[in-house]
Every structure is written in C-alpha cells, then in structure tokens.
Protein backbone atom coordinates (compact mmCIF):
# COMPACT_ATOMS: atom_id res chain seq x y z
CA MET A 1 -0.36 16.81 -0.36
CA LYS A 2 1.04 15.24 -3.63
CA LEU A 3 4.87 15.28 -4.08
CA ALA A 4 6.32 14.61 -7.58
CA MET A 5 9.51 14.81 -9.52
CA TYR A 6 9.28 16.90 -12.65
CA GLN A 7 12.15 17.37 -15.00
CA ASN A 8 14.46 16.12 -12.12
CA LYS A 9 12.98 18.72 -9.67
CA PRO A 10 10.66 18.41 -6.75
CA ILE A 11 7.10 19.80 -7.08
CA VAL A 12 3.89 19.97 -5.35
CA VAL A 13 0.84 18.82 -7.55
CA THR A 14 -2.67 19.98 -7.59
CA GLU A 15 -5.35 18.15 -9.31
CA ASN A 16 -8.22 19.86 -10.66
CA PRO A 17 -11.06 18.68 -12.75
CA SER A 18 -9.95 20.58 -15.77
CA GLN A 19 -6.30 20.57 -15.40
CA ILE A 20 -3.16 19.57 -13.18
CA THR A 21 -1.07 22.20 -11.81
CA TYR A 22 2.16 22.37 -9.77
CA GLN A 23 4.41 24.49 -8.00
CA PRO A 24 8.11 24.10 -7.83
CA ILE A 25 9.64 23.41 -4.30
CA THR A 26 12.63 25.74 -3.81
CA ASN A 27 13.96 24.42 -0.39
CA ILE A 28 14.48 20.75 -1.10
CA TYR A 29 16.29 18.73 -3.65
CA ASN A 30 14.53 15.59 -3.62
CA ILE A 31 11.47 14.07 -1.85
CA ARG A 32 13.35 11.65 0.37
CA ASP A 33 15.15 14.43 1.90
CA PHE A 34 12.03 15.91 2.81
CA LEU A 35 10.61 12.41 4.20
CA SER A 36 13.80 12.20 6.44
CA ALA A 37 13.48 15.57 7.65
CA PRO A 38 10.03 16.99 7.20
CA ARG A 39 9.84 20.92 7.17
CA PRO A 40 7.78 23.65 5.75
CA LEU A 41 8.13 23.79 2.09
CA THR A 42 8.98 27.02 0.07
CA LEU A 43 6.85 27.14 -3.18
CA GLY A 44 7.12 28.87 -6.42
CA ASP A 45 4.20 30.14 -8.62
CA PRO A 46 1.63 27.73 -9.78
CA GLN A 47 1.98 26.43 -13.22
CA ILE A 48 0.07 24.05 -15.58
CA LEU A 49 1.50 20.46 -15.88
CA THR A 50 1.23 20.10 -19.67
CA ASP A 51 3.00 16.77 -20.14
CA LEU A 52 2.82 13.86 -17.51
CA HIS A 53 5.47 12.03 -19.39
CA ASP A 54 7.99 14.41 -17.78
CA LEU A 55 7.51 13.01 -14.37
CA SER A 56 10.07 10.63 -13.06
CA ALA A 57 9.85 8.38 -10.07
CA PRO A 58 8.99 10.21 -6.82
CA ILE A 59 11.55 8.02 -5.19
CA GLU A 60 14.30 7.13 -7.60
CA ASN A 61 16.90 5.29 -5.54
CA PRO A 62 15.48 3.85 -2.28
CA LYS A 63 17.82 2.15 0.00
CA GLN A 64 15.47 -1.00 0.27
CA ILE A 65 12.68 -2.26 -1.75
CA PHE A 66 10.48 -4.98 0.01
CA ALA A 67 7.48 -6.69 -1.67
CA VAL A 68 4.82 -8.79 -0.44
CA GLY A 69 3.71 -11.95 -2.05
CA PHE A 70 0.14 -13.42 -1.50
CA ASN A 71 -1.40 -10.53 0.35
CA TYR A 72 -5.05 -10.74 -1.00
CA ALA A 73 -7.33 -13.90 -0.67
CA ASP A 74 -8.36 -13.96 -4.30
CA HIS A 75 -4.64 -13.87 -5.58
CA MET A 76 -3.83 -16.68 -3.43
CA ALA A 77 -6.99 -18.52 -4.89
CA GLU A 78 -5.91 -18.08 -8.55
CA LEU A 79 -2.33 -19.22 -7.70
CA HIS A 80 -3.58 -22.24 -5.56
CA THR A 81 -1.37 -21.51 -2.43
CA GLN A 82 -2.39 -21.12 1.22
CA ALA A 83 -2.95 -18.05 3.44
CA PRO A 84 0.46 -16.80 4.80
CA LYS A 85 0.94 -17.04 8.72
CA GLU A 86 3.31 -13.99 8.45
CA PRO A 87 3.93 -11.58 5.65
CA ASN A 88 5.50 -13.35 2.46
CA ILE A 89 8.59 -10.71 1.81
CA PHE A 90 10.83 -10.75 -1.17
CA THR A 91 12.99 -7.96 -2.30
CA LYS A 92 13.18 -6.09 -5.71
CA TYR A 93 16.17 -4.41 -7.06
CA GLN A 94 16.85 -0.59 -7.22
CA SER A 95 17.67 -0.72 -10.91
CA SER A 96 14.38 -1.91 -11.82
CA ILE A 97 12.72 1.61 -10.66
CA THR A 98 11.24 3.79 -13.18
CA GLY A 99 8.62 6.51 -13.47
CA PRO A 100 4.84 6.49 -14.19
CA TYR A 101 5.00 6.48 -18.02
CA PRO A 102 7.88 4.18 -19.10
CA THR A 103 8.53 2.16 -22.24
CA VAL A 104 9.33 -1.40 -21.01
CA GLN A 105 10.83 -4.39 -22.96
CA VAL A 106 8.92 -7.45 -22.92
CA GLN A 107 11.02 -10.44 -21.47
CA GLY A 108 10.21 -13.75 -23.36
CA GLN A 109 6.68 -14.63 -23.57
CA GLN A 110 5.57 -14.62 -19.91
CA THR A 111 5.64 -11.06 -18.88
CA ASP A 112 2.94 -10.44 -16.48
CA TRP A 113 1.35 -7.50 -14.60
CA GLU A 114 0.64 -6.73 -10.93
CA THR A 115 -0.68 -3.40 -9.90
CA GLU A 116 -0.02 -2.61 -6.12
CA LEU A 117 -0.15 -0.08 -3.58
CA VAL A 118 3.26 1.43 -2.76
CA VAL A 119 3.94 2.34 1.06
CA VAL A 120 6.73 4.92 1.15
CA VAL A 121 8.60 4.82 4.59
CA GLY A 122 8.80 8.37 6.31
CA GLN A 123 10.58 8.08 9.53
CA GLY A 124 12.48 4.95 9.71
CA GLY A 125 13.71 2.75 12.54
CA ARG A 126 13.67 -0.65 14.33
CA ASN A 127 11.15 -2.35 16.36
CA ILE A 128 8.37 -0.08 15.62
CA GLN A 129 5.30 -1.16 17.54
CA PRO A 130 1.99 -1.70 15.79
CA GLU A 131 0.20 1.26 17.25
CA ASP A 132 3.13 3.52 16.00
CA ALA A 133 3.62 2.13 12.69
CA ALA A 134 1.11 4.40 10.83
CA LYS A 135 3.23 7.43 11.81
CA HIS A 136 6.03 6.04 10.03
CA ILE A 137 4.29 6.13 6.54
CA GLY A 138 5.61 8.93 4.54
CA GLY A 139 3.24 8.36 1.68
CA TYR A 140 1.67 6.28 -0.93
CA MET A 141 2.08 5.66 -4.55
CA VAL A 142 0.79 3.42 -7.41
CA GLY A 143 3.17 0.70 -8.29
CA GLU A 144 3.47 -2.10 -10.81
CA ASP A 145 5.32 -5.19 -10.10
CA LEU A 146 5.99 -6.52 -13.38
CA SER A 147 7.19 -10.05 -13.51
CA ASP A 148 8.83 -12.67 -15.87
CA ARG A 149 6.89 -15.61 -15.16
CA ARG A 150 9.31 -18.02 -16.91
CA LEU A 151 12.16 -16.95 -14.69
CA GLN A 152 10.03 -16.90 -11.56
CA PHE A 153 8.92 -20.38 -11.95
CA ALA A 154 11.92 -21.99 -13.86
CA ASN A 155 12.92 -23.81 -10.79
CA THR A 156 10.90 -26.15 -8.52
CA ASP A 157 11.07 -23.51 -5.72
CA PRO A 158 10.14 -20.18 -7.36
CA GLN A 159 12.44 -17.12 -7.06
CA PHE A 160 10.94 -13.70 -6.95
CA GLY A 161 13.42 -10.85 -6.93
CA LEU A 162 15.46 -11.37 -10.10
CA ALA A 163 12.25 -12.12 -11.84
CA LYS A 164 10.57 -8.84 -10.91
CA SER A 165 13.69 -6.69 -11.57
CA TYR A 166 14.52 -6.15 -15.13
CA ALA A 167 14.95 -2.74 -16.47
CA ASN A 168 11.77 -0.62 -15.95
CA PHE A 169 9.88 -3.65 -14.32
CA SER A 170 9.05 -1.53 -11.20
CA PRO A 171 7.18 1.86 -12.14
CA VAL A 172 6.00 4.09 -9.45
CA GLY A 173 4.25 7.15 -9.12
CA PRO A 174 2.91 9.21 -10.70
CA TRP A 175 3.45 11.20 -7.49
CA LEU A 176 3.56 10.53 -3.63
CA THR A 177 0.43 11.42 -1.75
CA THR A 178 1.02 11.97 2.03
CA PRO A 179 -1.15 10.25 4.46
CA ASP A 180 -2.89 13.43 5.78
CA SER A 181 -4.62 13.92 2.35
CA LEU A 182 -6.32 10.65 2.50
CA PRO A 183 -9.16 10.00 4.94
CA ASP A 184 -8.57 6.31 4.59
CA VAL A 185 -6.31 4.59 2.18
CA ASN A 186 -7.63 1.29 2.97
CA THR A 187 -11.02 1.73 1.14
CA LEU A 188 -9.45 2.77 -2.15
CA GLN A 189 -10.22 0.79 -5.47
CA LEU A 190 -7.28 -0.58 -7.58
CA THR A 191 -7.61 -1.33 -11.39
CA THR A 192 -5.73 -2.68 -14.02
CA SER A 193 -6.43 -2.82 -17.80
CA LEU A 194 -4.51 -4.18 -20.84
CA ASN A 195 -5.21 -2.38 -24.20
CA GLY A 196 -8.38 -1.05 -22.59
CA VAL A 197 -9.61 -4.34 -21.15
CA ALA A 198 -10.16 -4.60 -17.61
CA LYS A 199 -7.92 -7.29 -15.96
CA GLN A 200 -7.74 -6.28 -12.26
CA ASN A 201 -10.57 -4.94 -10.02
CA GLY A 202 -9.68 -5.13 -6.27
CA ASN A 203 -9.97 -2.83 -3.13
CA LEU A 204 -7.14 -2.23 -0.50
CA MET A 205 -9.60 -3.16 2.31
CA ASP A 206 -9.02 -6.71 1.15
CA LEU A 207 -5.25 -6.48 1.98
CA ILE A 208 -4.33 -9.25 4.53
CA PHE A 209 -1.51 -7.15 5.99
CA ASP A 210 -1.83 -3.29 5.69
CA GLY A 211 1.01 -0.65 5.36
CA ALA A 212 1.19 -0.35 9.07
CA ALA A 213 1.30 -4.00 9.82
CA LEU A 214 3.99 -4.46 7.34
CA ILE A 215 6.18 -1.57 8.62
CA SER A 216 5.88 -2.89 12.23
CA TYR A 217 6.87 -6.55 10.88
CA LEU A 218 9.68 -5.52 8.81
CA SER A 219 11.07 -3.21 11.47
CA GLY A 220 11.28 -5.91 13.87
CA ILE A 221 13.85 -7.70 11.56
CA VAL A 222 15.73 -5.01 9.63
CA ALA A 223 16.22 -1.29 9.98
CA LEU A 224 13.78 0.85 7.78
CA TYR A 225 15.10 4.25 6.23
CA PRO A 226 13.22 7.22 4.86
CA GLY A 227 12.34 6.53 1.22
CA ASP A 228 12.23 2.58 1.55
CA LEU A 229 9.46 1.19 -0.55
CA ILE A 230 6.87 -1.61 0.18
CA PHE A 231 5.13 -2.98 -2.77
CA THR A 232 2.02 -4.36 -0.76
CA GLY A 233 0.86 -7.11 -3.20
CA THR A 234 -1.79 -7.41 -5.92
CA PRO A 235 -5.29 -8.67 -5.82
CA GLY A 236 -6.45 -11.41 -8.31
CA GLY A 237 -6.60 -11.07 -12.09
CA VAL A 238 -2.97 -11.47 -12.92
CA GLY A 239 -2.21 -13.01 -16.53
CA VAL A 240 -0.64 -16.17 -14.89
CA GLY A 241 -3.78 -17.18 -12.96
CA ARG A 242 -6.01 -17.00 -15.85
CA LYS A 243 -7.41 -19.91 -17.72
CA PRO A 244 -6.04 -19.84 -20.63
CA GLN A 245 -2.88 -17.77 -19.12
CA GLU A 246 -2.47 -14.50 -20.75
CA PHE A 247 0.67 -12.14 -20.88
CA ILE A 248 1.89 -9.02 -21.98
CA LYS A 249 3.01 -8.68 -25.95
CA PRO A 250 5.20 -6.07 -27.75
CA GLY A 251 2.67 -3.19 -28.78
CA ASP A 252 0.41 -3.64 -25.73
CA THR A 253 -0.41 -0.69 -23.44
CA LEU A 254 -1.04 -1.49 -19.72
CA VAL A 255 -2.63 1.00 -17.38
CA GLY A 256 -2.56 0.40 -13.44
CA GLU A 257 -4.55 2.92 -11.25
CA ILE A 258 -5.70 3.37 -7.78
CA GLN A 259 -8.51 5.92 -6.76
CA GLN A 260 -7.10 9.20 -5.59
CA LEU A 261 -3.40 8.13 -5.94
CA GLY A 262 -3.18 8.22 -9.71
CA ARG A 263 -2.40 6.17 -12.57
CA LEU A 264 0.50 4.53 -14.32
CA GLU A 265 0.83 3.96 -18.06
CA MET A 266 3.34 1.33 -19.53
CA ASN A 267 3.95 0.72 -23.19
CA PHE A 268 5.82 -2.47 -24.17
CA THR A 269 8.27 -3.14 -26.97
CA ASP A 270 10.09 -6.34 -27.93
C-alpha cells in the first residue's frame, strides 16, 4: 500500500502503467496517526492523480530525524574514510523536511546531492531486539539528504546536522510504501541524475546497516516514536567525492529515485 498526502489530506495511491489514481482516506487525518494505531482504512472513490506537484511530505513533522553516515562501502571509499564499527548517526532538523517536488535555494557554491532510502518508524519503543526490529518499520520513502559541503567541512572536525538542514534540504516522498507490498526492499536500485546525467547508481543490498539493524541499534539508546525518519545513507557518486568536484547550481534539476518507491524532483534557485 502506498500512502501519501495530497492537498493536505491522506490518500491511498495506485500506480498503473498509464496513470496514477488515488482514493481519499476518510477516517484518519494524517499518516503518522495511522502508523501509531493501524486500523482498517475507509476509502473514497478512485480519482486520477493529475498533478504530482500537489503531493506534500507523507510525514511532515516527525518527532525525530536520524541520518546515517558512511553506510555504503563505495561512499566511504570516495571520501577516504574507514568502515564504521557501529552506525555513524547524526540528526537532521524538522524544518528542513519538504515534499517530493520542491524548489530549493542553493547555499553557496557547494550544495551537494545524496539520494537515500528513508525508513519510517511504525510502532516505536526502546530496546527493540534485532529479530523483532523489522516489525517496527512502518514504511519506506525516497529521501534526498542535500548538503552544504562548505559548512559541513568548515572546521577540522566536520559537523553534519546544520549543513544538511537548510530550508527544503530534506525532500521525502512521493509516498510512503508499506513493507507488506515490497517482497524485498534490500534489492532495490537507487539512482540520481543531475540535469538528466546519471550521478549515482547503487543497490540497497549494499547497505552496511539495513533498516531493521538501525531500528534495533537506535532503540537501544533512545526511544523511537511512530513517524520518526531514518535516512539510511547514500551510495557513491556524490559531488564532493568526484574529481573534479561537482556541485548543484541555480537552474539545475535533480532527480532521486528508488525502484518501486518513486522519485523526487528538485529544482534549484539562487
């Protein structure tokens, strides 16, 4: 099942080869409420989804946003860092969350891309055991962890959270896909293109710590809540790791996509 927010109301989305349709959900107000207390949904009549730009973030105000650094071997190699012994966690800020088709202001001359799988927490809790962690995943989304590399690396010790939390620096969507509709999320392909030119091409099977492992790890330290977001990291191909380095400019269009989960499209201004 694919759940989205359309004109500020929750819907169920159905993708067909020729068109996308949706059904309004009449017995919940937002997707996070459904994740905290799953129930049968009351649906309205099917309608054609004519403009994807009217979709907003499926989870607009998560209580917590976690992100994982260096969770793909090829990304570690391009940034010349060692494999983590434990998940390398930082946090992003709620005010950076936006929907799947935003206009984003370029920050300086080093705005970079990172397309990622976003895991959405369903049932929360503490000390979730590894064998139970998958049951606590409420769904999956495509996410873009946009980064101002100048701010990130301004000091000898990098800082992550603020450099990745400017306005609209955390697009998510286009919808939340529930785990029961994905045979194996860990085999899906992830791609990024800038102005139609491929920049990233990775597979989720290459994640060092997958969604279930991250939920178990995080819950051993902090409480997790329904609707919390976990940006799981990005594969190789980011701009800062290229020779020469490459960054987003005003007028550029960035597309981040994960097979079966949908796509984000971002347009950049100065």
